[in-house]
Amino acid sequence: MSVSLPFRELIEGTGLGSDAFLQQLKDAGVGSIELRAVLGMTEPETVLSVAERIWSRGLRVSVHTAPWTRESAVKDVFTPLTGLLQAQKQDSVILVLHPVRGDDLADTNRQMMDELTAYLKQNRFGAKLALENNRKMPDKSEGDSAALVAQVIRDADPAYAGICFDFGHYAWCTRVWEQDAPLLPPEAFTSRVIHTHIHALAGADRRYTTHFPLQYGTLPLQAYLNTFRAGYTGVCNLELEAERFTDLMRGEEGILGSLPVLKAAL
């Protein structure tokens, strides 16, 4: 199991990024931490320092990157990760990213992925790209981007690129926006999953807000897992946003309470 933690708190060593909480997660069976999110202007030394803290505790690292445009994607993704990728202490690092902001054309996103992949190959970095389905299309049309992601990744080299299946984003679309949509994404999507973002939806009273704890919200967790986990060697990653449920519980409680639910489904 893996858990996304706020990068700012990991930098500061406070709250969800404290040494004490990292140890609690490891004791609970977590083996990997996703840094969420590393922006393009972040100093490489800062990212490496956080990674070293995590590696020193026997945990793996993945990174949620944040490219701003197709033209700036290589710079936005790789400049802050230079130190981490050169000094990495694991065989491969998953780098998660969203489709290009404001552009839902497959050609644009395919070009971005091709440029990122070429950079990985050129520098021989041990990393894989994972393109994530959004809750909203990049053009803000409120649809789901699973079909776009599947189309973009279809011809991508599986040695360097795959899909991040965001469970909560897909569930939100089938529950709120496209209620006649299939419960499960197509095989073209699930067959390329290498990473996951797992979070539940709140109830109707909260407009089905995403990134809620699994023990509180709703999610067809088992059904989603069953679509791809036969032979799956990727990451099952819990991605909560503590600020969305502060009136119900602390972030630590939300995460630690969700882990047994996820573990039972695996």
C-alpha atoms as a PDB file:
ATOM      1  CA  MET A   1       0.000   0.000   0.000  1.00  0.00           C
ATOM      2  CA  SER A   2       1.005   3.595  -0.594  1.00  0.00           C
ATOM      3  CA  VAL A   3      -0.211   6.969   0.690  1.00  0.00           C
ATOM      4  CA  SER A   4      -0.129  10.449  -0.863  1.00  0.00           C
ATOM      5  CA  LEU A   5       1.131  13.071   1.559  1.00  0.00           C
ATOM      6  CA  PRO A   6       1.181  16.866   1.113  1.00  0.00           C
ATOM      7  CA  PHE A   7       4.610  17.869  -0.105  1.00  0.00           C
ATOM      8  CA  ARG A   8       4.610  21.105   1.878  1.00  0.00           C
ATOM      9  CA  GLU A   9       4.171  19.219   5.163  1.00  0.00           C
ATOM     10  CA  LEU A  10       6.865  16.735   4.156  1.00  0.00           C
ATOM     11  CA  ILE A  11       9.234  19.656   3.580  1.00  0.00           C
ATOM     12  CA  GLU A  12       8.415  21.117   6.982  1.00  0.00           C
ATOM     13  CA  GLY A  13       8.335  17.757   8.777  1.00  0.00           C
ATOM     14  CA  THR A  14       5.017  18.675  10.389  1.00  0.00           C
ATOM     15  CA  GLY A  15       1.524  17.179  10.534  1.00  0.00           C
ATOM     16  CA  LEU A  16       1.064  14.481   7.891  1.00  0.00           C
ATOM     17  CA  GLY A  17       4.716  14.925   6.914  1.00  0.00           C
ATOM     18  CA  SER A  18       6.186  14.369  10.374  1.00  0.00           C
ATOM     19  CA  ASP A  19       8.634  11.585  11.189  1.00  0.00           C
ATOM     20  CA  ALA A  20       6.183  10.210  13.730  1.00  0.00           C
ATOM     21  CA  PHE A  21       3.401   9.881  11.173  1.00  0.00           C
ATOM     22  CA  LEU A  22       5.717   8.296   8.596  1.00  0.00           C
ATOM     23  CA  GLN A  23       6.536   5.664  11.197  1.00  0.00           C
ATOM     24  CA  GLN A  24       2.847   5.130  11.952  1.00  0.00           C
ATOM     25  CA  LEU A  25       2.193   4.551   8.269  1.00  0.00           C
ATOM     26  CA  LYS A  26       5.034   2.057   7.987  1.00  0.00           C
ATOM     27  CA  ASP A  27       3.786   0.222  11.075  1.00  0.00           C
ATOM     28  CA  ALA A  28       0.339   0.063   9.433  1.00  0.00           C
ATOM     29  CA  GLY A  29       1.760  -1.715   6.382  1.00  0.00           C
ATOM     30  CA  VAL A  30       2.451   1.216   4.059  1.00  0.00           C
ATOM     31  CA  GLY A  31       5.467   0.669   1.830  1.00  0.00           C
ATOM     32  CA  SER A  32       5.496   3.809  -0.326  1.00  0.00           C
ATOM     33  CA  ILE A  33       4.812   7.553  -0.120  1.00  0.00           C
ATOM     34  CA  GLU A  34       3.630   9.774  -2.974  1.00  0.00           C
ATOM     35  CA  LEU A  35       4.884  13.372  -2.844  1.00  0.00           C
ATOM     36  CA  ARG A  36       1.837  15.515  -3.703  1.00  0.00           C
ATOM     37  CA  ALA A  37       2.463  17.688  -5.564  1.00  0.00           C
ATOM     38  CA  VAL A  38       5.920  18.784  -6.690  1.00  0.00           C
ATOM     39  CA  LEU A  39       5.665  22.029  -8.675  1.00  0.00           C
ATOM     40  CA  GLY A  40       8.061  23.023 -11.429  1.00  0.00           C
ATOM     41  CA  MET A  41       9.663  25.837  -9.446  1.00  0.00           C
ATOM     42  CA  THR A  42      10.646  23.576  -6.532  1.00  0.00           C
ATOM     43  CA  GLU A  43      14.372  23.385  -5.826  1.00  0.00           C
ATOM     44  CA  PRO A  44      15.864  19.961  -6.656  1.00  0.00           C
ATOM     45  CA  GLU A  45      17.676  19.925  -3.313  1.00  0.00           C
ATOM     46  CA  THR A  46      14.363  20.229  -1.482  1.00  0.00           C
ATOM     47  CA  VAL A  47      12.838  17.271  -3.315  1.00  0.00           C
ATOM     48  CA  LEU A  48      15.931  15.135  -2.742  1.00  0.00           C
ATOM     49  CA  SER A  49      15.968  15.986   0.967  1.00  0.00           C
ATOM     50  CA  VAL A  50      12.363  14.836   1.362  1.00  0.00           C
ATOM     51  CA  ALA A  51      13.030  11.667  -0.633  1.00  0.00           C
ATOM     52  CA  GLU A  52      16.064  10.878   1.507  1.00  0.00           C
ATOM     53  CA  ARG A  53      13.912  11.140   4.651  1.00  0.00           C
ATOM     54  CA  ILE A  54      11.444   8.657   3.212  1.00  0.00           C
ATOM     55  CA  TRP A  55      14.067   6.258   1.854  1.00  0.00           C
ATOM     56  CA  SER A  56      15.866   6.279   5.223  1.00  0.00           C
ATOM     57  CA  ARG A  57      12.725   4.743   6.746  1.00  0.00           C
ATOM     58  CA  GLY A  58      12.688   1.888   4.284  1.00  0.00           C
ATOM     59  CA  LEU A  59       9.845   3.357   2.205  1.00  0.00           C
ATOM     60  CA  ARG A  60       9.621   3.848  -1.552  1.00  0.00           C
ATOM     61  CA  VAL A  61       8.803   7.142  -3.258  1.00  0.00           C
ATOM     62  CA  SER A  62       6.485   8.191  -6.094  1.00  0.00           C
ATOM     63  CA  VAL A  63       5.866  11.764  -7.239  1.00  0.00           C
ATOM     64  CA  HIS A  64       2.755  13.667  -8.334  1.00  0.00           C
ATOM     65  CA  THR A  65       4.188  16.178 -10.793  1.00  0.00           C
ATOM     66  CA  ALA A  66       2.485  19.322 -12.089  1.00  0.00           C
ATOM     67  CA  PRO A  67       3.385  20.320 -15.672  1.00  0.00           C
ATOM     68  CA  TRP A  68       1.765  23.622 -16.610  1.00  0.00           C
ATOM     69  CA  THR A  69       1.743  23.430 -20.427  1.00  0.00           C
ATOM     70  CA  ARG A  70       2.865  20.967 -23.095  1.00  0.00           C
ATOM     71  CA  GLU A  71       5.752  23.261 -24.016  1.00  0.00           C
ATOM     72  CA  SER A  72       6.978  23.496 -20.425  1.00  0.00           C
ATOM     73  CA  ALA A  73       6.253  19.883 -19.406  1.00  0.00           C
ATOM     74  CA  VAL A  74       9.818  18.556 -19.610  1.00  0.00           C
ATOM     75  CA  LYS A  75      11.126  21.477 -17.555  1.00  0.00           C
ATOM     76  CA  ASP A  76       8.226  21.420 -15.066  1.00  0.00           C
ATOM     77  CA  VAL A  77       8.484  17.681 -14.430  1.00  0.00           C
ATOM     78  CA  PHE A  78      12.203  16.987 -14.498  1.00  0.00           C
ATOM     79  CA  THR A  79      13.969  20.111 -13.222  1.00  0.00           C
ATOM     80  CA  PRO A  80      12.783  19.693  -9.604  1.00  0.00           C
ATOM     81  CA  LEU A  81      13.398  15.921  -9.756  1.00  0.00           C
ATOM     82  CA  THR A  82      16.989  16.061 -11.032  1.00  0.00           C
ATOM     83  CA  GLY A  83      18.554  15.164  -7.688  1.00  0.00           C
ATOM     84  CA  LEU A  84      15.988  12.501  -6.838  1.00  0.00           C
ATOM     85  CA  LEU A  85      16.312  10.710 -10.185  1.00  0.00           C
ATOM     86  CA  GLN A  86      20.098  10.802 -10.118  1.00  0.00           C
ATOM     87  CA  ALA A  87      20.333   9.492  -6.560  1.00  0.00           C
ATOM     88  CA  GLN A  88      17.259   7.263  -6.446  1.00  0.00           C
ATOM     89  CA  LYS A  89      17.461   4.244  -4.182  1.00  0.00           C
ATOM     90  CA  GLN A  90      14.777   2.153  -5.865  1.00  0.00           C
ATOM     91  CA  ASP A  91      14.511   0.479  -9.234  1.00  0.00           C
ATOM     92  CA  SER A  92      11.869   2.830 -10.681  1.00  0.00           C
ATOM     93  CA  VAL A  93       9.989   5.952  -9.599  1.00  0.00           C
ATOM     94  CA  ILE A  94       6.397   6.532 -10.740  1.00  0.00           C
ATOM     95  CA  LEU A  95       5.795  10.110 -11.946  1.00  0.00           C
ATOM     96  CA  VAL A  96       2.078  10.971 -12.030  1.00  0.00           C
ATOM     97  CA  LEU A  97       0.743  13.804 -14.186  1.00  0.00           C
ATOM     98  CA  HIS A  98      -2.581  15.128 -15.488  1.00  0.00           C
ATOM     99  CA  PRO A  99      -3.431  15.771 -19.151  1.00  0.00           C
ATOM    100  CA  VAL A 100      -2.405  19.172 -20.497  1.00  0.00           C
ATOM    101  CA  ARG A 101      -4.275  22.000 -18.786  1.00  0.00           C
ATOM    102  CA  GLY A 102      -7.039  23.401 -20.966  1.00  0.00           C
ATOM    103  CA  ASP A 103      -6.428  20.991 -23.843  1.00  0.00           C
ATOM    104  CA  ASP A 104      -8.368  17.759 -24.340  1.00  0.00           C
ATOM    105  CA  LEU A 105      -6.862  16.884 -27.724  1.00  0.00           C
ATOM    106  CA  ALA A 106      -5.220  13.481 -27.842  1.00  0.00           C
ATOM    107  CA  ASP A 107      -2.502  14.738 -30.204  1.00  0.00           C
ATOM    108  CA  THR A 108      -1.417  17.482 -27.794  1.00  0.00           C
ATOM    109  CA  ASN A 109      -1.252  15.111 -24.855  1.00  0.00           C
ATOM    110  CA  ARG A 110       0.465  12.413 -26.900  1.00  0.00           C
ATOM    111  CA  GLN A 111       3.118  14.926 -27.905  1.00  0.00           C
ATOM    112  CA  MET A 112       3.664  15.834 -24.258  1.00  0.00           C
ATOM    113  CA  MET A 113       4.053  12.192 -23.292  1.00  0.00           C
ATOM    114  CA  ASP A 114       6.414  11.554 -26.223  1.00  0.00           C
ATOM    115  CA  GLU A 115       8.639  14.454 -25.164  1.00  0.00           C
ATOM    116  CA  LEU A 116       8.697  13.319 -21.535  1.00  0.00           C
ATOM    117  CA  THR A 117       9.442   9.733 -22.568  1.00  0.00           C
ATOM    118  CA  ALA A 118      12.266  10.855 -24.852  1.00  0.00           C
ATOM    119  CA  TYR A 119      13.819  12.750 -21.934  1.00  0.00           C
ATOM    120  CA  LEU A 120      13.628   9.659 -19.713  1.00  0.00           C
ATOM    121  CA  LYS A 121      15.314   7.534 -22.370  1.00  0.00           C
ATOM    122  CA  GLN A 122      17.981  10.122 -23.120  1.00  0.00           C
ATOM    123  CA  ASN A 123      18.956  10.447 -19.463  1.00  0.00           C
ATOM    124  CA  ARG A 124      18.432   6.768 -18.621  1.00  0.00           C
ATOM    125  CA  PHE A 125      16.401   7.627 -15.549  1.00  0.00           C
ATOM    126  CA  GLY A 126      14.711   4.763 -13.727  1.00  0.00           C
ATOM    127  CA  ALA A 127      11.202   6.199 -13.870  1.00  0.00           C
ATOM    128  CA  LYS A 128       7.790   5.631 -15.438  1.00  0.00           C
ATOM    129  CA  LEU A 129       5.143   8.204 -16.350  1.00  0.00           C
ATOM    130  CA  ALA A 130       1.548   7.640 -15.222  1.00  0.00           C
ATOM    131  CA  LEU A 131      -1.096   9.788 -16.950  1.00  0.00           C
ATOM    132  CA  GLU A 132      -4.097  10.317 -14.654  1.00  0.00           C
ATOM    133  CA  ASN A 133      -7.796  10.548 -15.487  1.00  0.00           C
ATOM    134  CA  ASN A 134      -9.203  13.848 -14.212  1.00  0.00           C
ATOM    135  CA  ARG A 135     -12.523  14.474 -12.536  1.00  0.00           C
ATOM    136  CA  LYS A 136     -13.030  17.142 -15.189  1.00  0.00           C
ATOM    137  CA  MET A 137     -11.866  17.281 -18.752  1.00  0.00           C
ATOM    138  CA  PRO A 138      -8.997  19.732 -19.274  1.00  0.00           C
ATOM    139  CA  ASP A 139     -11.400  22.023 -21.167  1.00  0.00           C
ATOM    140  CA  LYS A 140     -13.614  22.136 -18.027  1.00  0.00           C
ATOM    141  CA  SER A 141     -16.542  20.472 -19.788  1.00  0.00           C
ATOM    142  CA  GLU A 142     -17.109  18.348 -16.655  1.00  0.00           C
ATOM    143  CA  GLY A 143     -16.714  15.012 -18.447  1.00  0.00           C
ATOM    144  CA  ASP A 144     -14.263  12.306 -17.466  1.00  0.00           C
ATOM    145  CA  SER A 145     -10.900  12.016 -19.211  1.00  0.00           C
ATOM    146  CA  ALA A 146     -10.509   8.220 -18.996  1.00  0.00           C
ATOM    147  CA  ALA A 147     -11.111   7.814 -22.744  1.00  0.00           C
ATOM    148  CA  LEU A 148      -8.591  10.568 -23.508  1.00  0.00           C
ATOM    149  CA  VAL A 149      -5.970   8.981 -21.265  1.00  0.00           C
ATOM    150  CA  ALA A 150      -6.505   5.534 -22.815  1.00  0.00           C
ATOM    151  CA  GLN A 151      -6.176   7.005 -26.304  1.00  0.00           C
ATOM    152  CA  VAL A 152      -2.975   8.865 -25.443  1.00  0.00           C
ATOM    153  CA  ILE A 153      -1.322   5.882 -23.751  1.00  0.00           C
ATOM    154  CA  ARG A 154      -2.432   3.311 -26.340  1.00  0.00           C
ATOM    155  CA  ASP A 155       0.761   3.574 -28.415  1.00  0.00           C
ATOM    156  CA  ALA A 156       3.102   4.702 -25.635  1.00  0.00           C
ATOM    157  CA  ASP A 157       6.066   2.498 -24.737  1.00  0.00           C
ATOM    158  CA  PRO A 158       4.938   0.439 -21.691  1.00  0.00           C
ATOM    159  CA  ALA A 159       8.503   0.457 -20.416  1.00  0.00           C
ATOM    160  CA  TYR A 160       8.180   4.193 -19.832  1.00  0.00           C
ATOM    161  CA  ALA A 161       4.480   5.115 -19.601  1.00  0.00           C
ATOM    162  CA  GLY A 162       1.174   3.857 -18.267  1.00  0.00           C
ATOM    163  CA  ILE A 163      -1.972   5.077 -16.556  1.00  0.00           C
ATOM    164  CA  CYS A 164      -2.796   6.334 -13.069  1.00  0.00           C
ATOM    165  CA  PHE A 165      -6.357   5.146 -12.396  1.00  0.00           C
ATOM    166  CA  ASP A 166      -7.967   7.750 -10.149  1.00  0.00           C
ATOM    167  CA  PHE A 167     -10.833   5.824  -8.550  1.00  0.00           C
ATOM    168  CA  GLY A 168     -12.547   8.846  -7.023  1.00  0.00           C
ATOM    169  CA  HIS A 169     -12.462  10.906 -10.201  1.00  0.00           C
ATOM    170  CA  TYR A 170     -14.013   8.092 -12.226  1.00  0.00           C
ATOM    171  CA  ALA A 171     -16.627   7.387  -9.535  1.00  0.00           C
ATOM    172  CA  TRP A 172     -17.567  11.071  -9.390  1.00  0.00           C
ATOM    173  CA  CYS A 173     -18.203  11.179 -13.110  1.00  0.00           C
ATOM    174  CA  THR A 174     -20.380   8.066 -13.120  1.00  0.00           C
ATOM    175  CA  ARG A 175     -22.301   9.244 -10.059  1.00  0.00           C
ATOM    176  CA  VAL A 176     -22.713  12.961 -10.737  1.00  0.00           C
ATOM    177  CA  TRP A 177     -22.028  13.886 -14.335  1.00  0.00           C
ATOM    178  CA  GLU A 178     -22.487  10.873 -16.566  1.00  0.00           C
ATOM    179  CA  GLN A 179     -24.891   8.684 -14.657  1.00  0.00           C
ATOM    180  CA  ASP A 180     -25.485   6.422 -17.672  1.00  0.00           C
ATOM    181  CA  ALA A 181     -21.740   5.853 -18.115  1.00  0.00           C
ATOM    182  CA  PRO A 182     -20.349   2.324 -17.608  1.00  0.00           C
ATOM    183  CA  LEU A 183     -19.543   1.485 -14.007  1.00  0.00           C
ATOM    184  CA  LEU A 184     -16.048   0.417 -15.055  1.00  0.00           C
ATOM    185  CA  PRO A 185     -13.581   2.072 -17.441  1.00  0.00           C
ATOM    186  CA  PRO A 186     -12.758   0.210 -20.676  1.00  0.00           C
ATOM    187  CA  GLU A 187     -10.142  -2.533 -20.923  1.00  0.00           C
ATOM    188  CA  ALA A 188      -7.973  -0.235 -23.048  1.00  0.00           C
ATOM    189  CA  PHE A 189      -7.690   1.919 -19.925  1.00  0.00           C
ATOM    190  CA  THR A 190      -7.411  -0.692 -17.163  1.00  0.00           C
ATOM    191  CA  SER A 191      -4.867  -2.822 -19.044  1.00  0.00           C
ATOM    192  CA  ARG A 192      -2.300  -0.005 -18.823  1.00  0.00           C
ATOM    193  CA  VAL A 193      -2.739   0.917 -15.131  1.00  0.00           C
ATOM    194  CA  ILE A 194       0.558   1.175 -13.218  1.00  0.00           C
ATOM    195  CA  HIS A 195      -0.491   3.474 -10.359  1.00  0.00           C
ATOM    196  CA  THR A 196      -3.684   4.437  -8.546  1.00  0.00           C
ATOM    197  CA  HIS A 197      -5.271   7.300  -6.627  1.00  0.00           C
ATOM    198  CA  ILE A 198      -7.821   5.784  -4.278  1.00  0.00           C
ATOM    199  CA  HIS A 199     -10.330   7.980  -2.444  1.00  0.00           C
ATOM    200  CA  ALA A 200     -14.047   7.896  -1.680  1.00  0.00           C
ATOM    201  CA  LEU A 201     -16.928  10.261  -2.378  1.00  0.00           C
ATOM    202  CA  ALA A 202     -18.784  12.075   0.379  1.00  0.00           C
ATOM    203  CA  GLY A 203     -22.586  11.990   0.470  1.00  0.00           C
ATOM    204  CA  ALA A 204     -25.146  14.109  -1.349  1.00  0.00           C
ATOM    205  CA  ASP A 205     -25.105  16.624   1.524  1.00  0.00           C
ATOM    206  CA  ARG A 206     -21.515  17.421   0.521  1.00  0.00           C
ATOM    207  CA  ARG A 207     -22.190  17.260  -3.217  1.00  0.00           C
ATOM    208  CA  TYR A 208     -20.261  13.995  -3.481  1.00  0.00           C
ATOM    209  CA  THR A 209     -16.950  15.695  -2.723  1.00  0.00           C
ATOM    210  CA  THR A 210     -13.937  13.580  -3.706  1.00  0.00           C
ATOM    211  CA  HIS A 211     -10.798  12.624  -1.713  1.00  0.00           C
ATOM    212  CA  PHE A 212     -12.759  11.459   1.343  1.00  0.00           C
ATOM    213  CA  PRO A 213     -11.690   8.620   3.676  1.00  0.00           C
ATOM    214  CA  LEU A 214     -12.719   5.130   2.598  1.00  0.00           C
ATOM    215  CA  GLN A 215     -14.352   4.368   5.951  1.00  0.00           C
ATOM    216  CA  TYR A 216     -16.630   7.402   5.611  1.00  0.00           C
ATOM    217  CA  GLY A 217     -17.484   7.802   1.935  1.00  0.00           C
ATOM    218  CA  THR A 218     -18.652   5.533  -0.870  1.00  0.00           C
ATOM    219  CA  LEU A 219     -16.617   3.918  -3.657  1.00  0.00           C
ATOM    220  CA  PRO A 220     -16.931   0.687  -5.704  1.00  0.00           C
ATOM    221  CA  LEU A 221     -13.461  -0.187  -4.453  1.00  0.00           C
ATOM    222  CA  GLN A 222     -13.546  -3.932  -5.025  1.00  0.00           C
ATOM    223  CA  ALA A 223     -15.055  -3.594  -8.494  1.00  0.00           C
ATOM    224  CA  TYR A 224     -12.368  -1.131  -9.571  1.00  0.00           C
ATOM    225  CA  LEU A 225      -9.554  -3.264  -8.171  1.00  0.00           C
ATOM    226  CA  ASN A 226     -10.883  -6.354  -9.923  1.00  0.00           C
ATOM    227  CA  THR A 227     -10.597  -4.684 -13.341  1.00  0.00           C
ATOM    228  CA  PHE A 228      -6.809  -4.752 -13.369  1.00  0.00           C
ATOM    229  CA  ARG A 229      -5.195  -6.411 -10.381  1.00  0.00           C
ATOM    230  CA  ALA A 230      -4.647  -9.868 -11.910  1.00  0.00           C
ATOM    231  CA  GLY A 231      -0.870  -9.835 -12.290  1.00  0.00           C
ATOM    232  CA  TYR A 232      -0.733  -6.185 -11.197  1.00  0.00           C
ATOM    233  CA  THR A 233       2.642  -5.123  -9.838  1.00  0.00           C
ATOM    234  CA  GLY A 234       1.940  -1.386  -9.558  1.00  0.00           C
ATOM    235  CA  VAL A 235       0.975   0.800  -6.637  1.00  0.00           C
ATOM    236  CA  CYS A 236      -2.316   0.919  -4.722  1.00  0.00           C
ATOM    237  CA  ASN A 237      -2.128   4.465  -3.430  1.00  0.00           C
ATOM    238  CA  LEU A 238      -4.504   6.194  -1.015  1.00  0.00           C
ATOM    239  CA  GLU A 239      -5.005   9.870  -1.945  1.00  0.00           C
ATOM    240  CA  LEU A 240      -6.991  11.895   0.599  1.00  0.00           C
ATOM    241  CA  GLU A 241      -7.250  15.664   1.086  1.00  0.00           C
ATOM    242  CA  ALA A 242      -7.507  16.301   4.814  1.00  0.00           C
ATOM    243  CA  GLU A 243      -8.810  19.848   4.436  1.00  0.00           C
ATOM    244  CA  ARG A 244     -12.039  18.466   2.940  1.00  0.00           C
ATOM    245  CA  PHE A 245     -13.089  16.593   6.095  1.00  0.00           C
ATOM    246  CA  THR A 246     -11.589  18.567   8.985  1.00  0.00           C
ATOM    247  CA  ASP A 247     -15.037  18.876  10.589  1.00  0.00           C
ATOM    248  CA  LEU A 248     -15.268  15.079  10.781  1.00  0.00           C
ATOM    249  CA  MET A 249     -11.793  13.922  11.734  1.00  0.00           C
ATOM    250  CA  ARG A 250      -8.122  14.769  11.614  1.00  0.00           C
ATOM    251  CA  GLY A 251      -6.148  13.947   8.492  1.00  0.00           C
ATOM    252  CA  GLU A 252      -4.186  11.294  10.353  1.00  0.00           C
ATOM    253  CA  GLU A 253      -7.413   9.588  11.434  1.00  0.00           C
ATOM    254  CA  GLY A 254      -8.798   9.667   7.912  1.00  0.00           C
ATOM    255  CA  ILE A 255      -5.698   8.005   6.479  1.00  0.00           C
ATOM    256  CA  LEU A 256      -5.131   5.441   9.232  1.00  0.00           C
ATOM    257  CA  GLY A 257      -8.830   4.536   9.203  1.00  0.00           C
ATOM    258  CA  SER A 258      -8.844   4.062   5.428  1.00  0.00           C
ATOM    259  CA  LEU A 259      -5.852   1.731   5.313  1.00  0.00           C
ATOM    260  CA  PRO A 260      -7.629  -1.317   6.804  1.00  0.00           C
ATOM    261  CA  VAL A 261     -10.454  -0.862   4.291  1.00  0.00           C
ATOM    262  CA  LEU A 262      -7.981  -0.800   1.416  1.00  0.00           C
ATOM    263  CA  LYS A 263      -5.960  -3.708   2.814  1.00  0.00           C
ATOM    264  CA  ALA A 264      -9.087  -5.852   3.143  1.00  0.00           C
ATOM    265  CA  ALA A 265      -9.947  -5.245  -0.535  1.00  0.00           C
ATOM    266  CA  LEU A 266      -6.500  -6.171  -1.859  1.00  0.00           C
END
